[in-house]
Amino acid sequence: MAALGSRLQSFRADQVDLAISLKDRQGAEQRVTLECWINRSPRLHLVATSSKRDLPAALSEVRDELVRQVDEAKTLREPRHNRALRSVPALPDHE
């Protein structure tokens, strides 16, 4: 979960809540859910799920999905920190 922790470091500790749940352990319908609430304006609620039967693989899948969602949320809210969104090619002068 270190990759997720590094993504969430830009938020204050009191702004982030994480919850992980596992339903039907070793059953046919096993489901791992990782939820993240980030208290800022607007409040974000991110959810990642996996139905993989191998628990380490399911945890990796939900971690990677939540990392992707956090990165996407940051990019949408903070384009000033994203060079690709800041760099707009100049139009040639027409005289």
Protein backbone atom coordinates (compact mmCIF):
# COMPACT_ATOMS: atom_id res chain seq x y z
CA MET A 1 0.00 0.00 0.00
CA ALA A 2 3.07 2.26 -0.06
CA ALA A 3 2.21 3.53 -3.55
CA LEU A 4 -1.17 4.70 -2.29
CA GLY A 5 0.40 6.29 0.79
CA SER A 6 2.75 8.36 -1.34
CA ARG A 7 -0.20 9.64 -3.42
CA LEU A 8 -2.14 10.64 -0.32
CA GLN A 9 0.78 12.49 1.32
CA SER A 10 -0.22 15.72 -0.39
CA PHE A 11 -3.32 15.81 1.83
CA ARG A 12 -3.29 16.48 5.57
CA ALA A 13 -3.69 13.35 7.71
CA ASP A 14 -7.02 14.61 9.08
CA GLN A 15 -8.39 14.97 5.52
CA VAL A 16 -8.10 11.31 4.52
CA ASP A 17 -10.08 8.29 5.71
CA LEU A 18 -9.53 4.79 4.35
CA ALA A 19 -11.61 1.65 4.84
CA ILE A 20 -11.02 -1.83 3.50
CA SER A 21 -13.53 -4.65 3.63
CA LEU A 22 -13.52 -8.30 2.66
CA LYS A 23 -16.75 -10.17 2.07
CA ASP A 24 -17.25 -13.92 1.70
CA ARG A 25 -13.61 -14.86 2.38
CA GLN A 26 -12.64 -17.90 0.29
CA GLY A 27 -16.20 -18.13 -1.03
CA ALA A 28 -17.35 -18.07 -4.62
CA GLU A 29 -18.33 -14.40 -4.31
CA GLN A 30 -15.25 -13.04 -2.48
CA ARG A 31 -15.04 -9.27 -2.81
CA VAL A 32 -12.40 -6.81 -1.58
CA THR A 33 -13.42 -3.16 -1.37
CA LEU A 34 -11.12 -0.22 -0.63
CA GLU A 35 -12.79 3.13 0.01
CA CYS A 36 -11.16 6.52 0.40
CA TRP A 37 -12.79 9.75 1.57
CA ILE A 38 -10.86 12.97 1.07
CA ASN A 39 -12.30 15.92 2.97
CA ARG A 40 -11.82 18.93 0.75
CA SER A 41 -14.13 21.02 -1.35
CA PRO A 42 -15.88 19.09 -2.85
CA ARG A 43 -15.52 15.99 -0.69
CA LEU A 44 -14.26 13.00 -2.66
CA HIS A 45 -15.43 9.43 -2.18
CA LEU A 46 -13.35 6.97 -4.19
CA VAL A 47 -14.10 3.23 -4.34
CA ALA A 48 -12.10 0.34 -5.78
CA THR A 49 -13.25 -3.29 -5.80
CA SER A 50 -11.85 -6.66 -6.77
CA SER A 51 -13.36 -10.11 -6.96
CA LYS A 52 -10.08 -11.97 -7.41
CA ARG A 53 -9.90 -15.10 -5.23
CA ASP A 54 -6.19 -14.63 -4.41
CA LEU A 55 -6.14 -12.11 -1.55
CA PRO A 56 -2.71 -10.52 -2.29
CA ALA A 57 -3.71 -10.10 -5.95
CA ALA A 58 -7.06 -8.56 -4.95
CA LEU A 59 -5.33 -6.12 -2.57
CA SER A 60 -2.90 -5.12 -5.31
CA GLU A 61 -5.75 -4.58 -7.74
CA VAL A 62 -7.74 -2.32 -5.41
CA ARG A 63 -4.58 -0.40 -4.48
CA ASP A 64 -3.68 0.22 -8.12
CA GLU A 65 -7.23 1.29 -8.97
CA LEU A 66 -7.38 3.70 -6.04
CA VAL A 67 -3.98 5.16 -6.97
CA ARG A 68 -5.33 5.76 -10.49
CA GLN A 69 -8.47 7.44 -9.12
CA VAL A 70 -6.49 9.67 -6.74
CA ASP A 71 -4.14 10.71 -9.56
CA GLU A 72 -7.10 11.47 -11.81
CA ALA A 73 -8.85 13.52 -9.11
CA LYS A 74 -5.68 15.51 -8.44
CA THR A 75 -5.16 16.23 -12.14
CA LEU A 76 -8.73 17.42 -12.59
CA ARG A 77 -8.63 19.68 -9.53
CA GLU A 78 -5.06 20.96 -9.77
CA PRO A 79 -4.01 21.50 -13.39
CA ARG A 80 -1.43 24.07 -12.31
CA HIS A 81 0.67 21.14 -11.07
CA ASN A 82 0.33 19.28 -14.36
CA ARG A 83 2.68 20.59 -17.02
CA ALA A 84 0.73 18.84 -19.81
CA LEU A 85 -2.40 20.81 -18.93
CA ARG A 86 -0.50 24.10 -18.43
CA SER A 87 1.47 23.99 -21.67
CA VAL A 88 -0.64 25.41 -24.44
CA PRO A 89 1.17 25.91 -27.73
CA ALA A 90 1.24 29.52 -28.89
CA LEU A 91 -0.67 30.27 -32.03
CA PRO A 92 1.32 31.88 -34.85
CA ASP A 93 0.77 35.58 -35.37
CA HIS A 94 -1.25 36.36 -38.51
CA GLU A 95 -0.79 39.75 -40.06
